[in-house]
Amino acid sequence: GAEVVVPVVPAAGVALPESVRLEGT
């Protein structure tokens, strides 16, 4: 239920919901 950190491949133009943030990968 808390925050989880996972690796992703960032992409330009992706809208993120308020409960999500992207820092680097």
PDBML (XML) file of the C-alpha atoms, coordinates in Angstrom:
<?xml version="1.0" encoding="UTF-8" ?>
<PDBx:datablock datablockName="MODEL"
   xmlns:PDBx="http://pdbml.pdb.org/schema/pdbx-v50.xsd"
   xmlns:xsi="http://www.w3.org/2001/XMLSchema-instance"
   xsi:schemaLocation="http://pdbml.pdb.org/schema/pdbx-v50.xsd pdbx-v50.xsd">
   <PDBx:atom_siteCategory>
      <PDBx:atom_site id="1">
         <PDBx:B_iso_or_equiv>0.00</PDBx:B_iso_or_equiv>
         <PDBx:Cartn_x>0.000</PDBx:Cartn_x>
         <PDBx:Cartn_y>0.000</PDBx:Cartn_y>
         <PDBx:Cartn_z>0.000</PDBx:Cartn_z>
         <PDBx:auth_asym_id>A</PDBx:auth_asym_id>
         <PDBx:auth_atom_id>CA</PDBx:auth_atom_id>
         <PDBx:auth_comp_id>GLY</PDBx:auth_comp_id>
         <PDBx:auth_seq_id>1</PDBx:auth_seq_id>
         <PDBx:group_PDB>ATOM</PDBx:group_PDB>
         <PDBx:label_alt_id xsi:nil="true" />
         <PDBx:label_asym_id>A</PDBx:label_asym_id>
         <PDBx:label_atom_id>CA</PDBx:label_atom_id>
         <PDBx:label_comp_id>GLY</PDBx:label_comp_id>
         <PDBx:label_entity_id>1</PDBx:label_entity_id>
         <PDBx:label_seq_id>1</PDBx:label_seq_id>
         <PDBx:occupancy>1.00</PDBx:occupancy>
         <PDBx:pdbx_PDB_model_num>1</PDBx:pdbx_PDB_model_num>
         <PDBx:type_symbol>C</PDBx:type_symbol>
      </PDBx:atom_site>
      <PDBx:atom_site id="2">
         <PDBx:B_iso_or_equiv>0.00</PDBx:B_iso_or_equiv>
         <PDBx:Cartn_x>3.007</PDBx:Cartn_x>
         <PDBx:Cartn_y>2.261</PDBx:Cartn_y>
         <PDBx:Cartn_z>0.416</PDBx:Cartn_z>
         <PDBx:auth_asym_id>A</PDBx:auth_asym_id>
         <PDBx:auth_atom_id>CA</PDBx:auth_atom_id>
         <PDBx:auth_comp_id>ALA</PDBx:auth_comp_id>
         <PDBx:auth_seq_id>2</PDBx:auth_seq_id>
         <PDBx:group_PDB>ATOM</PDBx:group_PDB>
         <PDBx:label_alt_id xsi:nil="true" />
         <PDBx:label_asym_id>A</PDBx:label_asym_id>
         <PDBx:label_atom_id>CA</PDBx:label_atom_id>
         <PDBx:label_comp_id>ALA</PDBx:label_comp_id>
         <PDBx:label_entity_id>1</PDBx:label_entity_id>
         <PDBx:label_seq_id>2</PDBx:label_seq_id>
         <PDBx:occupancy>1.00</PDBx:occupancy>
         <PDBx:pdbx_PDB_model_num>1</PDBx:pdbx_PDB_model_num>
         <PDBx:type_symbol>C</PDBx:type_symbol>
      </PDBx:atom_site>
      <PDBx:atom_site id="3">
         <PDBx:B_iso_or_equiv>0.00</PDBx:B_iso_or_equiv>
         <PDBx:Cartn_x>5.457</PDBx:Cartn_x>
         <PDBx:Cartn_y>3.423</PDBx:Cartn_y>
         <PDBx:Cartn_z>-2.227</PDBx:Cartn_z>
         <PDBx:auth_asym_id>A</PDBx:auth_asym_id>
         <PDBx:auth_atom_id>CA</PDBx:auth_atom_id>
         <PDBx:auth_comp_id>GLU</PDBx:auth_comp_id>
         <PDBx:auth_seq_id>3</PDBx:auth_seq_id>
         <PDBx:group_PDB>ATOM</PDBx:group_PDB>
         <PDBx:label_alt_id xsi:nil="true" />
         <PDBx:label_asym_id>A</PDBx:label_asym_id>
         <PDBx:label_atom_id>CA</PDBx:label_atom_id>
         <PDBx:label_comp_id>GLU</PDBx:label_comp_id>
         <PDBx:label_entity_id>1</PDBx:label_entity_id>
         <PDBx:label_seq_id>3</PDBx:label_seq_id>
         <PDBx:occupancy>1.00</PDBx:occupancy>
         <PDBx:pdbx_PDB_model_num>1</PDBx:pdbx_PDB_model_num>
         <PDBx:type_symbol>C</PDBx:type_symbol>
      </PDBx:atom_site>
      <PDBx:atom_site id="4">
         <PDBx:B_iso_or_equiv>0.00</PDBx:B_iso_or_equiv>
         <PDBx:Cartn_x>7.303</PDBx:Cartn_x>
         <PDBx:Cartn_y>0.878</PDBx:Cartn_y>
         <PDBx:Cartn_z>-4.343</PDBx:Cartn_z>
         <PDBx:auth_asym_id>A</PDBx:auth_asym_id>
         <PDBx:auth_atom_id>CA</PDBx:auth_atom_id>
         <PDBx:auth_comp_id>VAL</PDBx:auth_comp_id>
         <PDBx:auth_seq_id>4</PDBx:auth_seq_id>
         <PDBx:group_PDB>ATOM</PDBx:group_PDB>
         <PDBx:label_alt_id xsi:nil="true" />
         <PDBx:label_asym_id>A</PDBx:label_asym_id>
         <PDBx:label_atom_id>CA</PDBx:label_atom_id>
         <PDBx:label_comp_id>VAL</PDBx:label_comp_id>
         <PDBx:label_entity_id>1</PDBx:label_entity_id>
         <PDBx:label_seq_id>4</PDBx:label_seq_id>
         <PDBx:occupancy>1.00</PDBx:occupancy>
         <PDBx:pdbx_PDB_model_num>1</PDBx:pdbx_PDB_model_num>
         <PDBx:type_symbol>C</PDBx:type_symbol>
      </PDBx:atom_site>
      <PDBx:atom_site id="5">
         <PDBx:B_iso_or_equiv>0.00</PDBx:B_iso_or_equiv>
         <PDBx:Cartn_x>10.385</PDBx:Cartn_x>
         <PDBx:Cartn_y>1.675</PDBx:Cartn_y>
         <PDBx:Cartn_z>-6.443</PDBx:Cartn_z>
         <PDBx:auth_asym_id>A</PDBx:auth_asym_id>
         <PDBx:auth_atom_id>CA</PDBx:auth_atom_id>
         <PDBx:auth_comp_id>VAL</PDBx:auth_comp_id>
         <PDBx:auth_seq_id>5</PDBx:auth_seq_id>
         <PDBx:group_PDB>ATOM</PDBx:group_PDB>
         <PDBx:label_alt_id xsi:nil="true" />
         <PDBx:label_asym_id>A</PDBx:label_asym_id>
         <PDBx:label_atom_id>CA</PDBx:label_atom_id>
         <PDBx:label_comp_id>VAL</PDBx:label_comp_id>
         <PDBx:label_entity_id>1</PDBx:label_entity_id>
         <PDBx:label_seq_id>5</PDBx:label_seq_id>
         <PDBx:occupancy>1.00</PDBx:occupancy>
         <PDBx:pdbx_PDB_model_num>1</PDBx:pdbx_PDB_model_num>
         <PDBx:type_symbol>C</PDBx:type_symbol>
      </PDBx:atom_site>
      <PDBx:atom_site id="6">
         <PDBx:B_iso_or_equiv>0.00</PDBx:B_iso_or_equiv>
         <PDBx:Cartn_x>10.857</PDBx:Cartn_x>
         <PDBx:Cartn_y>-0.152</PDBx:Cartn_y>
         <PDBx:Cartn_z>-9.744</PDBx:Cartn_z>
         <PDBx:auth_asym_id>A</PDBx:auth_asym_id>
         <PDBx:auth_atom_id>CA</PDBx:auth_atom_id>
         <PDBx:auth_comp_id>VAL</PDBx:auth_comp_id>
         <PDBx:auth_seq_id>6</PDBx:auth_seq_id>
         <PDBx:group_PDB>ATOM</PDBx:group_PDB>
         <PDBx:label_alt_id xsi:nil="true" />
         <PDBx:label_asym_id>A</PDBx:label_asym_id>
         <PDBx:label_atom_id>CA</PDBx:label_atom_id>
         <PDBx:label_comp_id>VAL</PDBx:label_comp_id>
         <PDBx:label_entity_id>1</PDBx:label_entity_id>
         <PDBx:label_seq_id>6</PDBx:label_seq_id>
         <PDBx:occupancy>1.00</PDBx:occupancy>
         <PDBx:pdbx_PDB_model_num>1</PDBx:pdbx_PDB_model_num>
         <PDBx:type_symbol>C</PDBx:type_symbol>
      </PDBx:atom_site>
      <PDBx:atom_site id="7">
         <PDBx:B_iso_or_equiv>0.00</PDBx:B_iso_or_equiv>
         <PDBx:Cartn_x>13.216</PDBx:Cartn_x>
         <PDBx:Cartn_y>0.278</PDBx:Cartn_y>
         <PDBx:Cartn_z>-12.712</PDBx:Cartn_z>
         <PDBx:auth_asym_id>A</PDBx:auth_asym_id>
         <PDBx:auth_atom_id>CA</PDBx:auth_atom_id>
         <PDBx:auth_comp_id>PRO</PDBx:auth_comp_id>
         <PDBx:auth_seq_id>7</PDBx:auth_seq_id>
         <PDBx:group_PDB>ATOM</PDBx:group_PDB>
         <PDBx:label_alt_id xsi:nil="true" />
         <PDBx:label_asym_id>A</PDBx:label_asym_id>
         <PDBx:label_atom_id>CA</PDBx:label_atom_id>
         <PDBx:label_comp_id>PRO</PDBx:label_comp_id>
         <PDBx:label_entity_id>1</PDBx:label_entity_id>
         <PDBx:label_seq_id>7</PDBx:label_seq_id>
         <PDBx:occupancy>1.00</PDBx:occupancy>
         <PDBx:pdbx_PDB_model_num>1</PDBx:pdbx_PDB_model_num>
         <PDBx:type_symbol>C</PDBx:type_symbol>
      </PDBx:atom_site>
      <PDBx:atom_site id="8">
         <PDBx:B_iso_or_equiv>0.00</PDBx:B_iso_or_equiv>
         <PDBx:Cartn_x>11.696</PDBx:Cartn_x>
         <PDBx:Cartn_y>1.534</PDBx:Cartn_y>
         <PDBx:Cartn_z>-15.980</PDBx:Cartn_z>
         <PDBx:auth_asym_id>A</PDBx:auth_asym_id>
         <PDBx:auth_atom_id>CA</PDBx:auth_atom_id>
         <PDBx:auth_comp_id>VAL</PDBx:auth_comp_id>
         <PDBx:auth_seq_id>8</PDBx:auth_seq_id>
         <PDBx:group_PDB>ATOM</PDBx:group_PDB>
         <PDBx:label_alt_id xsi:nil="true" />
         <PDBx:label_asym_id>A</PDBx:label_asym_id>
         <PDBx:label_atom_id>CA</PDBx:label_atom_id>
         <PDBx:label_comp_id>VAL</PDBx:label_comp_id>
         <PDBx:label_entity_id>1</PDBx:label_entity_id>
         <PDBx:label_seq_id>8</PDBx:label_seq_id>
         <PDBx:occupancy>1.00</PDBx:occupancy>
         <PDBx:pdbx_PDB_model_num>1</PDBx:pdbx_PDB_model_num>
         <PDBx:type_symbol>C</PDBx:type_symbol>
      </PDBx:atom_site>
      <PDBx:atom_site id="9">
         <PDBx:B_iso_or_equiv>0.00</PDBx:B_iso_or_equiv>
         <PDBx:Cartn_x>12.816</PDBx:Cartn_x>
         <PDBx:Cartn_y>2.754</PDBx:Cartn_y>
         <PDBx:Cartn_z>-19.385</PDBx:Cartn_z>
         <PDBx:auth_asym_id>A</PDBx:auth_asym_id>
         <PDBx:auth_atom_id>CA</PDBx:auth_atom_id>
         <PDBx:auth_comp_id>VAL</PDBx:auth_comp_id>
         <PDBx:auth_seq_id>9</PDBx:auth_seq_id>
         <PDBx:group_PDB>ATOM</PDBx:group_PDB>
         <PDBx:label_alt_id xsi:nil="true" />
         <PDBx:label_asym_id>A</PDBx:label_asym_id>
         <PDBx:label_atom_id>CA</PDBx:label_atom_id>
         <PDBx:label_comp_id>VAL</PDBx:label_comp_id>
         <PDBx:label_entity_id>1</PDBx:label_entity_id>
         <PDBx:label_seq_id>9</PDBx:label_seq_id>
         <PDBx:occupancy>1.00</PDBx:occupancy>
         <PDBx:pdbx_PDB_model_num>1</PDBx:pdbx_PDB_model_num>
         <PDBx:type_symbol>C</PDBx:type_symbol>
      </PDBx:atom_site>
      <PDBx:atom_site id="10">
         <PDBx:B_iso_or_equiv>0.00</PDBx:B_iso_or_equiv>
         <PDBx:Cartn_x>11.809</PDBx:Cartn_x>
         <PDBx:Cartn_y>6.442</PDBx:Cartn_y>
         <PDBx:Cartn_z>-19.438</PDBx:Cartn_z>
         <PDBx:auth_asym_id>A</PDBx:auth_asym_id>
         <PDBx:auth_atom_id>CA</PDBx:auth_atom_id>
         <PDBx:auth_comp_id>PRO</PDBx:auth_comp_id>
         <PDBx:auth_seq_id>10</PDBx:auth_seq_id>
         <PDBx:group_PDB>ATOM</PDBx:group_PDB>
         <PDBx:label_alt_id xsi:nil="true" />
         <PDBx:label_asym_id>A</PDBx:label_asym_id>
         <PDBx:label_atom_id>CA</PDBx:label_atom_id>
         <PDBx:label_comp_id>PRO</PDBx:label_comp_id>
         <PDBx:label_entity_id>1</PDBx:label_entity_id>
         <PDBx:label_seq_id>10</PDBx:label_seq_id>
         <PDBx:occupancy>1.00</PDBx:occupancy>
         <PDBx:pdbx_PDB_model_num>1</PDBx:pdbx_PDB_model_num>
         <PDBx:type_symbol>C</PDBx:type_symbol>
      </PDBx:atom_site>
      <PDBx:atom_site id="11">
         <PDBx:B_iso_or_equiv>0.00</PDBx:B_iso_or_equiv>
         <PDBx:Cartn_x>9.863</PDBx:Cartn_x>
         <PDBx:Cartn_y>7.776</PDBx:Cartn_y>
         <PDBx:Cartn_z>-22.404</PDBx:Cartn_z>
         <PDBx:auth_asym_id>A</PDBx:auth_asym_id>
         <PDBx:auth_atom_id>CA</PDBx:auth_atom_id>
         <PDBx:auth_comp_id>ALA</PDBx:auth_comp_id>
         <PDBx:auth_seq_id>11</PDBx:auth_seq_id>
         <PDBx:group_PDB>ATOM</PDBx:group_PDB>
         <PDBx:label_alt_id xsi:nil="true" />
         <PDBx:label_asym_id>A</PDBx:label_asym_id>
         <PDBx:label_atom_id>CA</PDBx:label_atom_id>
         <PDBx:label_comp_id>ALA</PDBx:label_comp_id>
         <PDBx:label_entity_id>1</PDBx:label_entity_id>
         <PDBx:label_seq_id>11</PDBx:label_seq_id>
         <PDBx:occupancy>1.00</PDBx:occupancy>
         <PDBx:pdbx_PDB_model_num>1</PDBx:pdbx_PDB_model_num>
         <PDBx:type_symbol>C</PDBx:type_symbol>
      </PDBx:atom_site>
      <PDBx:atom_site id="12">
         <PDBx:B_iso_or_equiv>0.00</PDBx:B_iso_or_equiv>
         <PDBx:Cartn_x>9.060</PDBx:Cartn_x>
         <PDBx:Cartn_y>11.345</PDBx:Cartn_y>
         <PDBx:Cartn_z>-23.401</PDBx:Cartn_z>
         <PDBx:auth_asym_id>A</PDBx:auth_asym_id>
         <PDBx:auth_atom_id>CA</PDBx:auth_atom_id>
         <PDBx:auth_comp_id>ALA</PDBx:auth_comp_id>
         <PDBx:auth_seq_id>12</PDBx:auth_seq_id>
         <PDBx:group_PDB>ATOM</PDBx:group_PDB>
         <PDBx:label_alt_id xsi:nil="true" />
         <PDBx:label_asym_id>A</PDBx:label_asym_id>
         <PDBx:label_atom_id>CA</PDBx:label_atom_id>
         <PDBx:label_comp_id>ALA</PDBx:label_comp_id>
         <PDBx:label_entity_id>1</PDBx:label_entity_id>
         <PDBx:label_seq_id>12</PDBx:label_seq_id>
         <PDBx:occupancy>1.00</PDBx:occupancy>
         <PDBx:pdbx_PDB_model_num>1</PDBx:pdbx_PDB_model_num>
         <PDBx:type_symbol>C</PDBx:type_symbol>
      </PDBx:atom_site>
      <PDBx:atom_site id="13">
         <PDBx:B_iso_or_equiv>0.00</PDBx:B_iso_or_equiv>
         <PDBx:Cartn_x>5.486</PDBx:Cartn_x>
         <PDBx:Cartn_y>12.581</PDBx:Cartn_y>
         <PDBx:Cartn_z>-23.284</PDBx:Cartn_z>
         <PDBx:auth_asym_id>A</PDBx:auth_asym_id>
         <PDBx:auth_atom_id>CA</PDBx:auth_atom_id>
         <PDBx:auth_comp_id>GLY</PDBx:auth_comp_id>
         <PDBx:auth_seq_id>13</PDBx:auth_seq_id>
         <PDBx:group_PDB>ATOM</PDBx:group_PDB>
         <PDBx:label_alt_id xsi:nil="true" />
         <PDBx:label_asym_id>A</PDBx:label_asym_id>
         <PDBx:label_atom_id>CA</PDBx:label_atom_id>
         <PDBx:label_comp_id>GLY</PDBx:label_comp_id>
         <PDBx:label_entity_id>1</PDBx:label_entity_id>
         <PDBx:label_seq_id>13</PDBx:label_seq_id>
         <PDBx:occupancy>1.00</PDBx:occupancy>
         <PDBx:pdbx_PDB_model_num>1</PDBx:pdbx_PDB_model_num>
         <PDBx:type_symbol>C</PDBx:type_symbol>
      </PDBx:atom_site>
      <PDBx:atom_site id="14">
         <PDBx:B_iso_or_equiv>0.00</PDBx:B_iso_or_equiv>
         <PDBx:Cartn_x>4.112</PDBx:Cartn_x>
         <PDBx:Cartn_y>10.070</PDBx:Cartn_y>
         <PDBx:Cartn_z>-20.785</PDBx:Cartn_z>
         <PDBx:auth_asym_id>A</PDBx:auth_asym_id>
         <PDBx:auth_atom_id>CA</PDBx:auth_atom_id>
         <PDBx:auth_comp_id>VAL</PDBx:auth_comp_id>
         <PDBx:auth_seq_id>14</PDBx:auth_seq_id>
         <PDBx:group_PDB>ATOM</PDBx:group_PDB>
         <PDBx:label_alt_id xsi:nil="true" />
         <PDBx:label_asym_id>A</PDBx:label_asym_id>
         <PDBx:label_atom_id>CA</PDBx:label_atom_id>
         <PDBx:label_comp_id>VAL</PDBx:label_comp_id>
         <PDBx:label_entity_id>1</PDBx:label_entity_id>
         <PDBx:label_seq_id>14</PDBx:label_seq_id>
         <PDBx:occupancy>1.00</PDBx:occupancy>
         <PDBx:pdbx_PDB_model_num>1</PDBx:pdbx_PDB_model_num>
         <PDBx:type_symbol>C</PDBx:type_symbol>
      </PDBx:atom_site>
      <PDBx:atom_site id="15">
         <PDBx:B_iso_or_equiv>0.00</PDBx:B_iso_or_equiv>
         <PDBx:Cartn_x>1.557</PDBx:Cartn_x>
         <PDBx:Cartn_y>11.611</PDBx:Cartn_y>
         <PDBx:Cartn_z>-18.411</PDBx:Cartn_z>
         <PDBx:auth_asym_id>A</PDBx:auth_asym_id>
         <PDBx:auth_atom_id>CA</PDBx:auth_atom_id>
         <PDBx:auth_comp_id>ALA</PDBx:auth_comp_id>
         <PDBx:auth_seq_id>15</PDBx:auth_seq_id>
         <PDBx:group_PDB>ATOM</PDBx:group_PDB>
         <PDBx:label_alt_id xsi:nil="true" />
         <PDBx:label_asym_id>A</PDBx:label_asym_id>
         <PDBx:label_atom_id>CA</PDBx:label_atom_id>
         <PDBx:label_comp_id>ALA</PDBx:label_comp_id>
         <PDBx:label_entity_id>1</PDBx:label_entity_id>
         <PDBx:label_seq_id>15</PDBx:label_seq_id>
         <PDBx:occupancy>1.00</PDBx:occupancy>
         <PDBx:pdbx_PDB_model_num>1</PDBx:pdbx_PDB_model_num>
         <PDBx:type_symbol>C</PDBx:type_symbol>
      </PDBx:atom_site>
      <PDBx:atom_site id="16">
         <PDBx:B_iso_or_equiv>0.00</PDBx:B_iso_or_equiv>
         <PDBx:Cartn_x>2.011</PDBx:Cartn_x>
         <PDBx:Cartn_y>10.356</PDBx:Cartn_y>
         <PDBx:Cartn_z>-14.843</PDBx:Cartn_z>
         <PDBx:auth_asym_id>A</PDBx:auth_asym_id>
         <PDBx:auth_atom_id>CA</PDBx:auth_atom_id>
         <PDBx:auth_comp_id>LEU</PDBx:auth_comp_id>
         <PDBx:auth_seq_id>16</PDBx:auth_seq_id>
         <PDBx:group_PDB>ATOM</PDBx:group_PDB>
         <PDBx:label_alt_id xsi:nil="true" />
         <PDBx:label_asym_id>A</PDBx:label_asym_id>
         <PDBx:label_atom_id>CA</PDBx:label_atom_id>
         <PDBx:label_comp_id>LEU</PDBx:label_comp_id>
         <PDBx:label_entity_id>1</PDBx:label_entity_id>
         <PDBx:label_seq_id>16</PDBx:label_seq_id>
         <PDBx:occupancy>1.00</PDBx:occupancy>
         <PDBx:pdbx_PDB_model_num>1</PDBx:pdbx_PDB_model_num>
         <PDBx:type_symbol>C</PDBx:type_symbol>
      </PDBx:atom_site>
      <PDBx:atom_site id="17">
         <PDBx:B_iso_or_equiv>0.00</PDBx:B_iso_or_equiv>
         <PDBx:Cartn_x>-0.731</PDBx:Cartn_x>
         <PDBx:Cartn_y>10.312</PDBx:Cartn_y>
         <PDBx:Cartn_z>-12.214</PDBx:Cartn_z>
         <PDBx:auth_asym_id>A</PDBx:auth_asym_id>
         <PDBx:auth_atom_id>CA</PDBx:auth_atom_id>
         <PDBx:auth_comp_id>PRO</PDBx:auth_comp_id>
         <PDBx:auth_seq_id>17</PDBx:auth_seq_id>
         <PDBx:group_PDB>ATOM</PDBx:group_PDB>
         <PDBx:label_alt_id xsi:nil="true" />
         <PDBx:label_asym_id>A</PDBx:label_asym_id>
         <PDBx:label_atom_id>CA</PDBx:label_atom_id>
         <PDBx:label_comp_id>PRO</PDBx:label_comp_id>
         <PDBx:label_entity_id>1</PDBx:label_entity_id>
         <PDBx:label_seq_id>17</PDBx:label_seq_id>
         <PDBx:occupancy>1.00</PDBx:occupancy>
         <PDBx:pdbx_PDB_model_num>1</PDBx:pdbx_PDB_model_num>
         <PDBx:type_symbol>C</PDBx:type_symbol>
      </PDBx:atom_site>
      <PDBx:atom_site id="18">
         <PDBx:B_iso_or_equiv>0.00</PDBx:B_iso_or_equiv>
         <PDBx:Cartn_x>-0.218</PDBx:Cartn_x>
         <PDBx:Cartn_y>12.290</PDBx:Cartn_y>
         <PDBx:Cartn_z>-8.983</PDBx:Cartn_z>
         <PDBx:auth_asym_id>A</PDBx:auth_asym_id>
         <PDBx:auth_atom_id>CA</PDBx:auth_atom_id>
         <PDBx:auth_comp_id>GLU</PDBx:auth_comp_id>
         <PDBx:auth_seq_id>18</PDBx:auth_seq_id>
         <PDBx:group_PDB>ATOM</PDBx:group_PDB>
         <PDBx:label_alt_id xsi:nil="true" />
         <PDBx:label_asym_id>A</PDBx:label_asym_id>
         <PDBx:label_atom_id>CA</PDBx:label_atom_id>
         <PDBx:label_comp_id>GLU</PDBx:label_comp_id>
         <PDBx:label_entity_id>1</PDBx:label_entity_id>
         <PDBx:label_seq_id>18</PDBx:label_seq_id>
         <PDBx:occupancy>1.00</PDBx:occupancy>
         <PDBx:pdbx_PDB_model_num>1</PDBx:pdbx_PDB_model_num>
         <PDBx:type_symbol>C</PDBx:type_symbol>
      </PDBx:atom_site>
      <PDBx:atom_site id="19">
         <PDBx:B_iso_or_equiv>0.00</PDBx:B_iso_or_equiv>
         <PDBx:Cartn_x>0.675</PDBx:Cartn_x>
         <PDBx:Cartn_y>9.160</PDBx:Cartn_y>
         <PDBx:Cartn_z>-7.028</PDBx:Cartn_z>
         <PDBx:auth_asym_id>A</PDBx:auth_asym_id>
         <PDBx:auth_atom_id>CA</PDBx:auth_atom_id>
         <PDBx:auth_comp_id>SER</PDBx:auth_comp_id>
         <PDBx:auth_seq_id>19</PDBx:auth_seq_id>
         <PDBx:group_PDB>ATOM</PDBx:group_PDB>
         <PDBx:label_alt_id xsi:nil="true" />
         <PDBx:label_asym_id>A</PDBx:label_asym_id>
         <PDBx:label_atom_id>CA</PDBx:label_atom_id>
         <PDBx:label_comp_id>SER</PDBx:label_comp_id>
         <PDBx:label_entity_id>1</PDBx:label_entity_id>
         <PDBx:label_seq_id>19</PDBx:label_seq_id>
         <PDBx:occupancy>1.00</PDBx:occupancy>
         <PDBx:pdbx_PDB_model_num>1</PDBx:pdbx_PDB_model_num>
         <PDBx:type_symbol>C</PDBx:type_symbol>
      </PDBx:atom_site>
      <PDBx:atom_site id="20">
         <PDBx:B_iso_or_equiv>0.00</PDBx:B_iso_or_equiv>
         <PDBx:Cartn_x>3.595</PDBx:Cartn_x>
         <PDBx:Cartn_y>8.395</PDBx:Cartn_y>
         <PDBx:Cartn_z>-9.368</PDBx:Cartn_z>
         <PDBx:auth_asym_id>A</PDBx:auth_asym_id>
         <PDBx:auth_atom_id>CA</PDBx:auth_atom_id>
         <PDBx:auth_comp_id>VAL</PDBx:auth_comp_id>
         <PDBx:auth_seq_id>20</PDBx:auth_seq_id>
         <PDBx:group_PDB>ATOM</PDBx:group_PDB>
         <PDBx:label_alt_id xsi:nil="true" />
         <PDBx:label_asym_id>A</PDBx:label_asym_id>
         <PDBx:label_atom_id>CA</PDBx:label_atom_id>
         <PDBx:label_comp_id>VAL</PDBx:label_comp_id>
         <PDBx:label_entity_id>1</PDBx:label_entity_id>
         <PDBx:label_seq_id>20</PDBx:label_seq_id>
         <PDBx:occupancy>1.00</PDBx:occupancy>
         <PDBx:pdbx_PDB_model_num>1</PDBx:pdbx_PDB_model_num>
         <PDBx:type_symbol>C</PDBx:type_symbol>
      </PDBx:atom_site>
      <PDBx:atom_site id="21">
         <PDBx:B_iso_or_equiv>0.00</PDBx:B_iso_or_equiv>
         <PDBx:Cartn_x>6.922</PDBx:Cartn_x>
         <PDBx:Cartn_y>10.119</PDBx:Cartn_y>
         <PDBx:Cartn_z>-9.921</PDBx:Cartn_z>
         <PDBx:auth_asym_id>A</PDBx:auth_asym_id>
         <PDBx:auth_atom_id>CA</PDBx:auth_atom_id>
         <PDBx:auth_comp_id>ARG</PDBx:auth_comp_id>
         <PDBx:auth_seq_id>21</PDBx:auth_seq_id>
         <PDBx:group_PDB>ATOM</PDBx:group_PDB>
         <PDBx:label_alt_id xsi:nil="true" />
         <PDBx:label_asym_id>A</PDBx:label_asym_id>
         <PDBx:label_atom_id>CA</PDBx:label_atom_id>
         <PDBx:label_comp_id>ARG</PDBx:label_comp_id>
         <PDBx:label_entity_id>1</PDBx:label_entity_id>
         <PDBx:label_seq_id>21</PDBx:label_seq_id>
         <PDBx:occupancy>1.00</PDBx:occupancy>
         <PDBx:pdbx_PDB_model_num>1</PDBx:pdbx_PDB_model_num>
         <PDBx:type_symbol>C</PDBx:type_symbol>
      </PDBx:atom_site>
      <PDBx:atom_site id="22">
         <PDBx:B_iso_or_equiv>0.00</PDBx:B_iso_or_equiv>
         <PDBx:Cartn_x>9.833</PDBx:Cartn_x>
         <PDBx:Cartn_y>9.294</PDBx:Cartn_y>
         <PDBx:Cartn_z>-12.185</PDBx:Cartn_z>
         <PDBx:auth_asym_id>A</PDBx:auth_asym_id>
         <PDBx:auth_atom_id>CA</PDBx:auth_atom_id>
         <PDBx:auth_comp_id>LEU</PDBx:auth_comp_id>
         <PDBx:auth_seq_id>22</PDBx:auth_seq_id>
         <PDBx:group_PDB>ATOM</PDBx:group_PDB>
         <PDBx:label_alt_id xsi:nil="true" />
         <PDBx:label_asym_id>A</PDBx:label_asym_id>
         <PDBx:label_atom_id>CA</PDBx:label_atom_id>
         <PDBx:label_comp_id>LEU</PDBx:label_comp_id>
         <PDBx:label_entity_id>1</PDBx:label_entity_id>
         <PDBx:label_seq_id>22</PDBx:label_seq_id>
         <PDBx:occupancy>1.00</PDBx:occupancy>
         <PDBx:pdbx_PDB_model_num>1</PDBx:pdbx_PDB_model_num>
         <PDBx:type_symbol>C</PDBx:type_symbol>
      </PDBx:atom_site>
      <PDBx:atom_site id="23">
         <PDBx:B_iso_or_equiv>0.00</PDBx:B_iso_or_equiv>
         <PDBx:Cartn_x>13.424</PDBx:Cartn_x>
         <PDBx:Cartn_y>10.029</PDBx:Cartn_y>
         <PDBx:Cartn_z>-11.152</PDBx:Cartn_z>
         <PDBx:auth_asym_id>A</PDBx:auth_asym_id>
         <PDBx:auth_atom_id>CA</PDBx:auth_atom_id>
         <PDBx:auth_comp_id>GLU</PDBx:auth_comp_id>
         <PDBx:auth_seq_id>23</PDBx:auth_seq_id>
         <PDBx:group_PDB>ATOM</PDBx:group_PDB>
         <PDBx:label_alt_id xsi:nil="true" />
         <PDBx:label_asym_id>A</PDBx:label_asym_id>
         <PDBx:label_atom_id>CA</PDBx:label_atom_id>
         <PDBx:label_comp_id>GLU</PDBx:label_comp_id>
         <PDBx:label_entity_id>1</PDBx:label_entity_id>
         <PDBx:label_seq_id>23</PDBx:label_seq_id>
         <PDBx:occupancy>1.00</PDBx:occupancy>
         <PDBx:pdbx_PDB_model_num>1</PDBx:pdbx_PDB_model_num>
         <PDBx:type_symbol>C</PDBx:type_symbol>
      </PDBx:atom_site>
      <PDBx:atom_site id="24">
         <PDBx:B_iso_or_equiv>0.00</PDBx:B_iso_or_equiv>
         <PDBx:Cartn_x>15.936</PDBx:Cartn_x>
         <PDBx:Cartn_y>8.928</PDBx:Cartn_y>
         <PDBx:Cartn_z>-13.745</PDBx:Cartn_z>
         <PDBx:auth_asym_id>A</PDBx:auth_asym_id>
         <PDBx:auth_atom_id>CA</PDBx:auth_atom_id>
         <PDBx:auth_comp_id>GLY</PDBx:auth_comp_id>
         <PDBx:auth_seq_id>24</PDBx:auth_seq_id>
         <PDBx:group_PDB>ATOM</PDBx:group_PDB>
         <PDBx:label_alt_id xsi:nil="true" />
         <PDBx:label_asym_id>A</PDBx:label_asym_id>
         <PDBx:label_atom_id>CA</PDBx:label_atom_id>
         <PDBx:label_comp_id>GLY</PDBx:label_comp_id>
         <PDBx:label_entity_id>1</PDBx:label_entity_id>
         <PDBx:label_seq_id>24</PDBx:label_seq_id>
         <PDBx:occupancy>1.00</PDBx:occupancy>
         <PDBx:pdbx_PDB_model_num>1</PDBx:pdbx_PDB_model_num>
         <PDBx:type_symbol>C</PDBx:type_symbol>
      </PDBx:atom_site>
      <PDBx:atom_site id="25">
         <PDBx:B_iso_or_equiv>0.00</PDBx:B_iso_or_equiv>
         <PDBx:Cartn_x>15.134</PDBx:Cartn_x>
         <PDBx:Cartn_y>5.295</PDBx:Cartn_y>
         <PDBx:Cartn_z>-14.453</PDBx:Cartn_z>
         <PDBx:auth_asym_id>A</PDBx:auth_asym_id>
         <PDBx:auth_atom_id>CA</PDBx:auth_atom_id>
         <PDBx:auth_comp_id>THR</PDBx:auth_comp_id>
         <PDBx:auth_seq_id>25</PDBx:auth_seq_id>
         <PDBx:group_PDB>ATOM</PDBx:group_PDB>
         <PDBx:label_alt_id xsi:nil="true" />
         <PDBx:label_asym_id>A</PDBx:label_asym_id>
         <PDBx:label_atom_id>CA</PDBx:label_atom_id>
         <PDBx:label_comp_id>THR</PDBx:label_comp_id>
         <PDBx:label_entity_id>1</PDBx:label_entity_id>
         <PDBx:label_seq_id>25</PDBx:label_seq_id>
         <PDBx:occupancy>1.00</PDBx:occupancy>
         <PDBx:pdbx_PDB_model_num>1</PDBx:pdbx_PDB_model_num>
         <PDBx:type_symbol>C</PDBx:type_symbol>
      </PDBx:atom_site>
   </PDBx:atom_siteCategory>
</PDBx:datablock>
